C-alpha atoms as a PDB file:
ATOM      1  CA  MET A   1      14.608 -19.326  13.885  1.00  0.00           C
ATOM      2  CA  ILE A   2      12.677 -16.572  12.063  1.00  0.00           C
ATOM      3  CA  THR A   3      11.258 -13.695  14.032  1.00  0.00           C
ATOM      4  CA  ILE A   4       9.083 -10.792  13.100  1.00  0.00           C
ATOM      5  CA  LEU A   5       9.178  -7.860  15.480  1.00  0.00           C
ATOM      6  CA  PRO A   6       8.194  -4.177  15.400  1.00  0.00           C
ATOM      7  CA  ALA A   7      10.964  -1.947  14.115  1.00  0.00           C
ATOM      8  CA  ASP A   8      12.317   0.781  16.474  1.00  0.00           C
ATOM      9  CA  LYS A   9      11.775   4.467  15.599  1.00  0.00           C
ATOM     10  CA  GLU A  10      15.208   4.800  13.932  1.00  0.00           C
ATOM     11  CA  LYS A  11      14.718   1.687  11.669  1.00  0.00           C
ATOM     12  CA  THR A  12      11.162   2.741  10.800  1.00  0.00           C
ATOM     13  CA  THR A  13      12.360   6.252   9.798  1.00  0.00           C
ATOM     14  CA  ALA A  14      15.247   4.784   7.728  1.00  0.00           C
ATOM     15  CA  LEU A  15      12.884   2.423   5.898  1.00  0.00           C
ATOM     16  CA  ALA A  16      10.455   5.240   5.281  1.00  0.00           C
ATOM     17  CA  GLN A  17      13.179   7.206   3.809  1.00  0.00           C
ATOM     18  CA  LYS A  18      14.441   4.381   1.671  1.00  0.00           C
ATOM     19  CA  GLU A  19      10.991   3.668   0.364  1.00  0.00           C
ATOM     20  CA  ALA A  20      10.001   7.337  -0.030  1.00  0.00           C
ATOM     21  CA  VAL A  21       7.011   6.877   2.339  1.00  0.00           C
ATOM     22  CA  SER A  22       5.825   9.785   4.462  1.00  0.00           C
ATOM     23  CA  LEU A  23       5.709   9.461   8.227  1.00  0.00           C
ATOM     24  CA  PRO A  24       4.077   8.366  10.513  1.00  0.00           C
ATOM     25  CA  ILE A  25       4.179   4.822   9.571  1.00  0.00           C
ATOM     26  CA  SER A  26       4.820   1.503  11.422  1.00  0.00           C
ATOM     27  CA  ALA A  27       7.164  -1.288  10.346  1.00  0.00           C
ATOM     28  CA  MET A  28       7.680  -4.953  11.149  1.00  0.00           C
ATOM     29  CA  ILE A  29      11.061  -6.551  10.511  1.00  0.00           C
ATOM     30  CA  MET A  30      11.719 -10.214   9.759  1.00  0.00           C
ATOM     31  CA  THR A  31      15.099 -11.591  10.785  1.00  0.00           C
ATOM     32  CA  ASP A  32      16.719 -15.058  11.050  1.00  0.00           C
ATOM     33  CA  GLY A  33      18.614 -13.840  14.132  1.00  0.00           C
ATOM     34  CA  THR A  34      21.398 -12.157  12.230  1.00  0.00           C
ATOM     35  CA  ASN A  35      20.089 -11.308   8.795  1.00  0.00           C
ATOM     36  CA  GLU A  36      17.239  -9.071   7.795  1.00  0.00           C
ATOM     37  CA  LEU A  37      14.895 -11.182   5.603  1.00  0.00           C
ATOM     38  CA  GLY A  38      12.156  -8.582   4.990  1.00  0.00           C
ATOM     39  CA  TYR A  39       9.918  -5.885   6.186  1.00  0.00           C
ATOM     40  CA  VAL A  40       6.469  -4.457   5.852  1.00  0.00           C
ATOM     41  CA  LEU A  41       5.569  -0.812   6.130  1.00  0.00           C
ATOM     42  CA  TYR A  42       1.988   0.117   7.083  1.00  0.00           C
ATOM     43  CA  ARG A  43      -0.011   3.096   8.466  1.00  0.00           C
ATOM     44  CA  VAL A  44      -2.860   2.892  11.112  1.00  0.00           C
ATOM     45  CA  GLU A  45      -5.367   5.654  11.042  1.00  0.00           C
ATOM     46  CA  LYS A  46      -8.320   5.219  13.315  1.00  0.00           C
ATOM     47  CA  ASP A  47      -9.692   1.720  12.648  1.00  0.00           C
ATOM     48  CA  VAL A  48      -8.016   1.192   9.285  1.00  0.00           C
ATOM     49  CA  LEU A  49      -4.579  -0.324   8.548  1.00  0.00           C
ATOM     50  CA  GLU A  50      -3.067   0.533   5.263  1.00  0.00           C
ATOM     51  CA  ILE A  51      -0.238  -1.783   3.922  1.00  0.00           C
ATOM     52  CA  ILE A  52       2.143   0.417   1.999  1.00  0.00           C
ATOM     53  CA  LYS A  53       5.243  -1.569   1.142  1.00  0.00           C
ATOM     54  CA  LEU A  54       6.491  -5.065   1.554  1.00  0.00           C
ATOM     55  CA  TYR A  55       9.955  -6.503   0.920  1.00  0.00           C
ATOM     56  CA  SER A  56      11.216 -10.000   1.471  1.00  0.00           C
ATOM     57  CA  CYS A  57      14.154 -11.982   0.193  1.00  0.00           C
ATOM     58  CA  ASP A  58      11.836 -14.953  -0.448  1.00  0.00           C
ATOM     59  CA  THR A  59       8.169 -14.747  -1.494  1.00  0.00           C
ATOM     60  CA  PHE A  60       7.341 -17.728   0.910  1.00  0.00           C
ATOM     61  CA  LEU A  61       7.999 -15.290   3.739  1.00  0.00           C
ATOM     62  CA  GLU A  62       5.717 -12.509   2.722  1.00  0.00           C
ATOM     63  CA  GLU A  63       2.510 -13.983   4.209  1.00  0.00           C
ATOM     64  CA  GLY A  64       4.192 -13.853   7.624  1.00  0.00           C
ATOM     65  CA  LEU A  65       4.917 -10.156   7.245  1.00  0.00           C
ATOM     66  CA  VAL A  66       1.247  -9.438   6.246  1.00  0.00           C
ATOM     67  CA  ARG A  67       0.083 -11.509   9.243  1.00  0.00           C
ATOM     68  CA  ALA A  68       2.401  -9.538  11.598  1.00  0.00           C
ATOM     69  CA  ALA A  69       1.127  -6.210  10.426  1.00  0.00           C
ATOM     70  CA  LEU A  70      -2.479  -7.310  10.646  1.00  0.00           C
ATOM     71  CA  ASN A  71      -1.860  -8.649  14.179  1.00  0.00           C
ATOM     72  CA  ASP A  72      -0.512  -5.377  15.235  1.00  0.00           C
ATOM     73  CA  GLY A  73      -3.508  -3.734  13.689  1.00  0.00           C
ATOM     74  CA  VAL A  74      -5.825  -5.884  15.823  1.00  0.00           C
ATOM     75  CA  ASN A  75      -3.874  -4.894  18.958  1.00  0.00           C
ATOM     76  CA  ARG A  76      -4.411  -1.204  17.888  1.00  0.00           C
ATOM     77  CA  GLN A  77      -8.235  -1.712  17.384  1.00  0.00           C
ATOM     78  CA  THR A  78      -8.178  -1.731  13.554  1.00  0.00           C
ATOM     79  CA  VAL A  79     -10.898  -3.632  11.758  1.00  0.00           C
ATOM     80  CA  THR A  80     -10.217  -3.138   8.125  1.00  0.00           C
ATOM     81  CA  ALA A  81      -6.922  -3.470   6.133  1.00  0.00           C
ATOM     82  CA  VAL A  82      -6.482  -1.845   2.746  1.00  0.00           C
ATOM     83  CA  CYS A  83      -3.656  -1.723   0.158  1.00  0.00           C
ATOM     84  CA  GLN A  84      -3.376   0.431  -2.952  1.00  0.00           C
ATOM     85  CA  ASN A  85       0.068  -0.936  -3.908  1.00  0.00           C
ATOM     86  CA  THR A  86      -0.662  -3.028  -7.021  1.00  0.00           C
ATOM     87  CA  ALA A  87       2.597  -4.969  -6.720  1.00  0.00           C
ATOM     88  CA  LEU A  88       0.992  -6.652  -3.622  1.00  0.00           C
ATOM     89  CA  PHE A  89      -2.455  -7.329  -5.067  1.00  0.00           C
ATOM     90  CA  PHE A  90      -1.612 -11.026  -6.141  1.00  0.00           C
ATOM     91  CA  LEU A  91      -0.345 -11.884  -2.688  1.00  0.00           C
ATOM     92  CA  LEU A  92      -3.198 -10.150  -0.901  1.00  0.00           C
ATOM     93  CA  GLU A  93      -5.786 -11.840  -3.091  1.00  0.00           C
ATOM     94  CA  SER A  94      -4.262 -15.218  -2.222  1.00  0.00           C
ATOM     95  CA  LEU A  95      -4.679 -14.300   1.492  1.00  0.00           C
ATOM     96  CA  GLY A  96      -8.435 -13.461   1.129  1.00  0.00           C
ATOM     97  CA  PHE A  97      -8.308  -9.839   0.383  1.00  0.00           C
ATOM     98  CA  SER A  98     -10.943  -8.542  -2.036  1.00  0.00           C
ATOM     99  CA  PHE A  99     -10.667  -5.833  -4.785  1.00  0.00           C
ATOM    100  CA  LYS A 100     -12.925  -2.925  -4.225  1.00  0.00           C
ATOM    101  CA  ASN A 101     -12.761   0.862  -4.931  1.00  0.00           C
ATOM    102  CA  ASN A 102      -9.313   0.539  -6.680  1.00  0.00           C
ATOM    103  CA  GLU A 103      -7.731  -1.181  -3.613  1.00  0.00           C
ATOM    104  CA  MET A 104      -7.418  -4.545  -1.914  1.00  0.00           C
ATOM    105  CA  ASN A 105      -9.222  -4.833   1.405  1.00  0.00           C
ATOM    106  CA  ILE A 106     -10.271  -7.240   4.093  1.00  0.00           C
ATOM    107  CA  PHE A 107     -12.243  -7.234   7.309  1.00  0.00           C
ATOM    108  CA  ILE A 108      -9.374  -8.209   9.728  1.00  0.00           C
ATOM    109  CA  PRO A 109     -11.510 -10.410  12.082  1.00  0.00           C
ATOM    110  CA  ASP A 110     -12.469 -12.493   9.102  1.00  0.00           C
ATOM    111  CA  PHE A 111      -8.787 -12.853   8.143  1.00  0.00           C
ATOM    112  CA  PHE A 112      -7.844 -14.357  11.468  1.00  0.00           C
ATOM    113  CA  ASN A 113     -11.041 -16.550  11.716  1.00  0.00           C
ATOM    114  CA  ARG A 114     -10.128 -18.715   8.715  1.00  0.00           C
ATOM    115  CA  PRO A 115      -7.669 -21.440   8.227  1.00  0.00           C
ATOM    116  CA  CYS A 116      -4.008 -20.467   7.465  1.00  0.00           C
ATOM    117  CA  ASN A 117      -4.003 -22.361   4.252  1.00  0.00           C
ATOM    118  CA  HIS A 118      -6.858 -20.388   2.684  1.00  0.00           C
END
């Protein structure tokens, strides 16, 4: 069974160092119970969640990591998600994000109020 859970402080710090991302950040880790399958690094500032980095061993798992980060954002009262990492633009566009002001963005309530197969 695949699970996606928030990373603890030590793991988050290690991922930040690995990806050369400044703290503070948050991270979600995807595992199959024993193996790490992927992670997403993101930052929450006020009502905006910024997706910074995403890694997965299989592109089919990436949507789950984005959804987990956005769900955490909802729980932290964010309303907008943005991303300036061009490597993620194709994925995010397929999930309903729009390109505006040199970044991908979405109004998070709209993201969760549409079918999963959008």
